[in-house]
């Protein structure tokens, strides 16, 4: 059975529900603290950095966690091909380490404060995203091409952006953009509320070029059971179906490891 370590930094608040989502997908999950011996990570096949507010988002979201010793060990292990998923605050950490998009050994992007005409700061709602990557990675294997996926967001700094004018074209060429925000018909509307934070190109998730690391701002663990979905979303699922659409992210991880 594949073993996944869910990393806990002070201020995270999604580690337990992330652990349950991993276990529901048929893998073993343990919560490891930021100050555990980094060598413990060698015993795992993959890692997840969950959502929350590590170190109270001081300086900027994810940057202090990105500097911790354990992140150096995670980077070392992923270079061996192990998988790594950053969800929400975890996505911010991966961008701050430069592991996403990972085309240079430096920070190439930011997850900037949301562009939102109604609310300044933290915004929580259900959105839709579409699987657009034709190239399979460790996190989209169970999604059909162009599948529309309901999932919640909960963040204040979720806007994928960069000053590098060539980076977006590189990401498209490499098929590193895994999921994009869309409407109910699968159309990419680059305005609020379809694009809930103003992310360039409606980006909701980016993988590295090798496909074993992904940063995603929406919360798949909060859509891993059908009972978590809003009433208006339930009509898209068959009676008796228990798993929600977010579980496929974790099932894809298990399939990749197998």
Protein backbone atom coordinates (compact mmCIF):
# COMPACT_ATOMS: atom_id res chain seq x y z
CA UNK A 1 0.00 0.00 0.00
CA UNK A 2 1.32 3.45 -0.92
CA UNK A 3 2.23 5.68 2.01
CA UNK A 4 1.58 9.41 1.99
CA UNK A 5 2.92 11.92 4.52
CA UNK A 6 0.65 14.89 5.19
CA UNK A 7 2.92 17.72 6.33
CA UNK A 8 1.77 19.90 9.19
CA UNK A 9 3.12 23.42 9.70
CA UNK A 10 1.94 25.69 12.54
CA UNK A 11 -1.29 27.27 11.35
CA UNK A 12 -2.42 24.55 8.93
CA UNK A 13 -6.01 23.44 9.50
CA UNK A 14 -6.80 20.86 6.81
CA UNK A 15 -4.43 18.05 7.74
CA UNK A 16 -7.03 15.70 9.26
CA UNK A 17 -9.55 15.94 6.40
CA UNK A 18 -6.71 15.55 3.89
CA UNK A 19 -5.56 12.42 5.70
CA UNK A 20 -9.09 11.00 5.52
CA UNK A 21 -9.33 11.74 1.78
CA UNK A 22 -6.03 9.91 1.16
CA UNK A 23 -7.23 6.90 3.15
CA UNK A 24 -10.57 6.87 1.30
CA UNK A 25 -8.56 6.58 -1.92
CA UNK A 26 -6.92 3.39 -0.66
CA UNK A 27 -3.58 4.69 0.62
CA UNK A 28 -2.00 4.96 4.05
CA UNK A 29 -1.60 8.48 5.43
CA UNK A 30 0.34 9.85 8.40
CA UNK A 31 0.55 13.42 9.64
CA UNK A 32 4.16 14.56 10.09
CA UNK A 33 5.09 17.79 11.84
CA UNK A 34 7.41 20.38 10.35
CA UNK A 35 9.95 19.73 13.13
CA UNK A 36 10.10 15.93 12.78
CA UNK A 37 13.37 14.41 11.65
CA UNK A 38 13.40 15.00 7.86
CA UNK A 39 14.83 11.50 7.37
CA UNK A 40 11.37 10.14 8.23
CA UNK A 41 10.24 11.35 4.81
CA UNK A 42 12.32 8.61 3.20
CA UNK A 43 9.72 6.10 4.41
CA UNK A 44 6.96 7.59 2.23
CA UNK A 45 6.02 7.40 -1.45
CA UNK A 46 4.52 10.87 -1.60
CA UNK A 47 3.66 14.01 0.30
CA UNK A 48 0.82 16.51 0.68
CA UNK A 49 1.06 20.02 2.11
CA UNK A 50 -2.52 20.85 3.14
CA UNK A 51 -4.42 24.09 3.40
CA UNK A 52 -4.56 26.57 6.23
CA UNK A 53 -2.50 29.58 7.25
CA UNK A 54 1.04 28.37 7.96
CA UNK A 55 2.80 30.82 10.26
CA UNK A 56 -0.29 33.05 10.05
CA UNK A 57 0.62 33.94 6.43
CA UNK A 58 3.17 36.39 7.82
CA UNK A 59 5.33 38.22 5.27
CA UNK A 60 3.23 36.54 2.55
CA UNK A 61 1.36 33.27 2.29
CA UNK A 62 3.58 30.19 2.26
CA UNK A 63 6.97 31.88 2.35
CA UNK A 64 8.02 30.98 5.91
CA UNK A 65 7.02 27.32 5.51
CA UNK A 66 8.94 27.26 2.23
CA UNK A 67 12.15 28.10 4.13
CA UNK A 68 11.88 25.27 6.66
CA UNK A 69 14.48 22.50 6.70
CA UNK A 70 11.93 19.79 5.96
CA UNK A 71 11.14 21.38 2.59
CA UNK A 72 14.71 20.82 1.46
CA UNK A 73 14.29 17.11 2.18
CA UNK A 74 10.95 17.02 0.35
CA UNK A 75 12.57 18.56 -2.70
CA UNK A 76 15.34 15.97 -2.54
CA UNK A 77 12.80 13.12 -2.37
CA UNK A 78 10.65 14.45 -5.23
CA UNK A 79 13.73 14.62 -7.43
CA UNK A 80 13.77 10.82 -7.07
CA UNK A 81 10.27 10.72 -8.60
CA UNK A 82 8.14 10.75 -5.44
CA UNK A 83 4.91 12.74 -5.68
CA UNK A 84 3.97 15.99 -3.96
CA UNK A 85 0.64 17.80 -3.83
CA UNK A 86 0.20 21.30 -2.41
CA UNK A 87 -3.39 22.31 -1.66
CA UNK A 88 -4.26 26.00 -1.16
CA UNK A 89 -1.69 27.12 1.43
CA UNK A 90 0.36 24.13 0.30
CA UNK A 91 0.21 25.47 -3.26
CA UNK A 92 1.52 28.79 -2.00
CA UNK A 93 4.41 26.97 -0.32
CA UNK A 94 5.33 25.12 -3.54
CA UNK A 95 5.35 28.35 -5.55
CA UNK A 96 7.53 30.01 -2.90
CA UNK A 97 10.05 27.16 -3.05
CA UNK A 98 10.21 27.37 -6.85
CA UNK A 99 9.15 23.71 -7.14
CA UNK A 100 6.15 25.00 -9.11
CA UNK A 101 6.43 25.61 -11.98
CA UNK A 102 9.95 24.23 -11.45
CA UNK A 103 11.47 25.32 -14.75
CA UNK A 104 14.28 27.17 -12.98
CA UNK A 105 15.86 26.80 -9.56
CA UNK A 106 14.21 30.03 -8.45
CA UNK A 107 10.79 31.51 -7.71
CA UNK A 108 9.09 32.24 -11.04
CA UNK A 109 5.51 32.96 -9.98
CA UNK A 110 3.42 34.35 -7.16
CA UNK A 111 0.04 33.59 -5.67
CA UNK A 112 -1.07 37.18 -5.28
CA UNK A 113 -4.05 38.66 -3.37
CA UNK A 114 -7.38 37.91 -5.02
CA UNK A 115 -8.93 40.28 -7.53
CA UNK A 116 -12.49 40.27 -6.26
CA UNK A 117 -14.98 43.12 -6.84
CA UNK A 118 -17.12 42.12 -3.84
CA UNK A 119 -14.75 41.02 -1.07
CA UNK A 120 -11.28 42.15 -0.06
CA UNK A 121 -9.19 39.26 1.25
CA UNK A 122 -10.43 35.78 2.16
CA UNK A 123 -13.12 34.35 -0.10
CA UNK A 124 -14.84 30.98 0.29
CA UNK A 125 -17.25 29.52 -2.28
CA UNK A 126 -17.89 26.61 -4.64
CA UNK A 127 -16.44 26.99 -8.13
CA UNK A 128 -15.94 24.80 -11.20
CA UNK A 129 -12.71 23.81 -12.84
CA UNK A 130 -11.95 21.85 -15.97
CA UNK A 131 -9.31 19.21 -16.57
CA UNK A 132 -7.43 20.60 -19.58
CA UNK A 133 -4.12 18.69 -19.54
CA UNK A 134 -4.06 16.09 -22.29
CA UNK A 135 -0.81 14.84 -20.78
CA UNK A 136 -1.49 12.68 -17.73
CA UNK A 137 0.17 13.63 -14.46
CA UNK A 138 0.04 12.13 -10.97
CA UNK A 139 -3.16 13.99 -10.11
CA UNK A 140 -5.48 13.92 -13.14
CA UNK A 141 -5.38 10.26 -14.22
CA UNK A 142 -8.98 9.55 -13.21
CA UNK A 143 -10.48 12.64 -14.83
CA UNK A 144 -11.77 12.47 -18.37
CA UNK A 145 -10.55 15.04 -20.86
CA UNK A 146 -12.41 18.34 -20.41
CA UNK A 147 -14.27 17.04 -17.33
CA UNK A 148 -15.95 19.83 -15.36
CA UNK A 149 -15.35 19.46 -11.62
CA UNK A 150 -17.15 21.22 -8.75
CA UNK A 151 -14.80 22.05 -5.89
CA UNK A 152 -14.60 24.67 -3.12
CA UNK A 153 -12.03 27.43 -2.75
CA UNK A 154 -11.11 29.21 0.49
CA UNK A 155 -8.26 31.69 0.19
CA UNK A 156 -7.25 35.32 0.11
CA UNK A 157 -4.14 34.94 -2.05
CA UNK A 158 -4.93 32.57 -4.91
CA UNK A 159 -4.13 34.55 -8.04
CA UNK A 160 -1.50 32.72 -10.11
CA UNK A 161 0.56 35.48 -11.71
CA UNK A 162 4.06 36.29 -12.94
CA UNK A 163 6.12 39.14 -14.37
CA UNK A 164 7.79 36.72 -16.78
CA UNK A 165 6.06 37.42 -20.07
CA UNK A 166 7.23 34.14 -21.60
CA UNK A 167 6.31 31.81 -18.74
CA UNK A 168 2.64 31.31 -19.60
CA UNK A 169 3.52 30.11 -23.10
CA UNK A 170 6.08 27.71 -21.60
CA UNK A 171 3.45 26.29 -19.25
CA UNK A 172 1.03 25.80 -22.14
CA UNK A 173 3.67 24.17 -24.32
CA UNK A 174 4.70 21.80 -21.53
CA UNK A 175 1.03 21.08 -20.64
CA UNK A 176 1.75 22.02 -17.03
CA UNK A 177 -1.57 23.81 -16.54
CA UNK A 178 -3.70 20.98 -15.17
CA UNK A 179 -6.99 22.66 -14.22
CA UNK A 180 -8.63 25.98 -15.15
CA UNK A 181 -11.62 27.81 -13.65
CA UNK A 182 -14.70 27.56 -15.88
CA UNK A 183 -18.48 28.03 -15.83
CA UNK A 184 -21.16 25.31 -15.79
CA UNK A 185 -20.82 24.90 -19.56
CA UNK A 186 -17.05 24.52 -19.39
CA UNK A 187 -16.38 27.98 -20.83
CA UNK A 188 -13.35 29.94 -19.61
CA UNK A 189 -14.68 33.35 -18.60
CA UNK A 190 -11.88 35.56 -17.33
CA UNK A 191 -14.03 37.61 -14.97
CA UNK A 192 -15.51 37.20 -11.50
CA UNK A 193 -17.22 34.99 -10.37
CA UNK A 194 -16.13 32.30 -12.87
CA UNK A 195 -12.51 33.28 -12.31
CA UNK A 196 -12.81 33.81 -8.55
CA UNK A 197 -9.41 35.40 -7.90
CA UNK A 198 -8.23 36.92 -11.17
CA UNK A 199 -5.66 34.21 -11.91
CA UNK A 200 -3.97 34.59 -15.27
CA UNK A 201 -5.43 32.24 -17.90
CA UNK A 202 -7.99 31.11 -15.27
CA UNK A 203 -5.30 28.87 -13.74
CA UNK A 204 -6.50 26.74 -10.80
CA UNK A 205 -3.62 24.22 -10.72
CA UNK A 206 -0.12 23.84 -12.17
CA UNK A 207 2.13 20.78 -12.24
CA UNK A 208 5.85 20.58 -12.76
CA UNK A 209 7.12 19.46 -16.16
CA UNK A 210 7.64 15.87 -14.95
CA UNK A 211 4.08 15.60 -13.63
CA UNK A 212 4.89 14.37 -10.11
CA UNK A 213 4.30 17.71 -8.32
CA UNK A 214 1.17 19.88 -8.42
CA UNK A 215 -0.03 23.07 -6.75
CA UNK A 216 -3.83 23.46 -6.66
CA UNK A 217 -5.76 26.31 -5.04
CA UNK A 218 -9.21 24.62 -4.78
CA UNK A 219 -9.69 21.96 -2.08
CA UNK A 220 -10.17 18.41 -3.46
CA UNK A 221 -10.33 16.97 0.07
CA UNK A 222 -13.46 19.04 0.69
CA UNK A 223 -15.14 17.48 -2.36
CA UNK A 224 -14.09 13.88 -1.74
CA UNK A 225 -17.53 12.75 -0.56
CA UNK A 226 -20.78 13.39 -2.38
CA UNK A 227 -22.38 14.52 0.89
CA UNK A 228 -20.00 17.51 0.94
CA UNK A 229 -21.41 18.96 -2.28
CA UNK A 230 -24.01 21.74 -2.38
CA UNK A 231 -27.53 20.59 -3.18
CA UNK A 232 -27.45 22.09 -6.70
CA UNK A 233 -24.42 19.94 -7.56
CA UNK A 234 -25.91 16.64 -6.41
CA UNK A 235 -28.12 16.21 -9.47
CA UNK A 236 -24.98 15.53 -11.51
CA UNK A 237 -24.22 12.37 -9.51
CA UNK A 238 -25.95 9.02 -9.56
CA UNK A 239 -27.95 7.73 -6.61
CA UNK A 240 -25.86 5.48 -4.40
CA UNK A 241 -22.61 7.13 -5.44
CA UNK A 242 -20.64 8.09 -2.33
CA UNK A 243 -17.39 9.54 -3.63
CA UNK A 244 -17.25 13.19 -4.63
CA UNK A 245 -15.37 14.60 -7.62
CA UNK A 246 -12.35 15.69 -5.60
CA UNK A 247 -11.47 12.13 -4.63
CA UNK A 248 -10.17 11.47 -8.13
CA UNK A 249 -7.13 13.64 -7.33
CA UNK A 250 -6.15 11.23 -4.57
CA UNK A 251 -7.11 8.12 -6.53
CA UNK A 252 -4.92 9.38 -9.35
CA UNK A 253 -2.01 9.64 -6.92
CA UNK A 254 -2.51 6.02 -5.94
CA UNK A 255 -2.67 4.90 -9.57
CA UNK A 256 0.51 6.83 -10.42
CA UNK A 257 2.34 5.16 -7.53
CA UNK A 258 1.11 1.70 -8.55
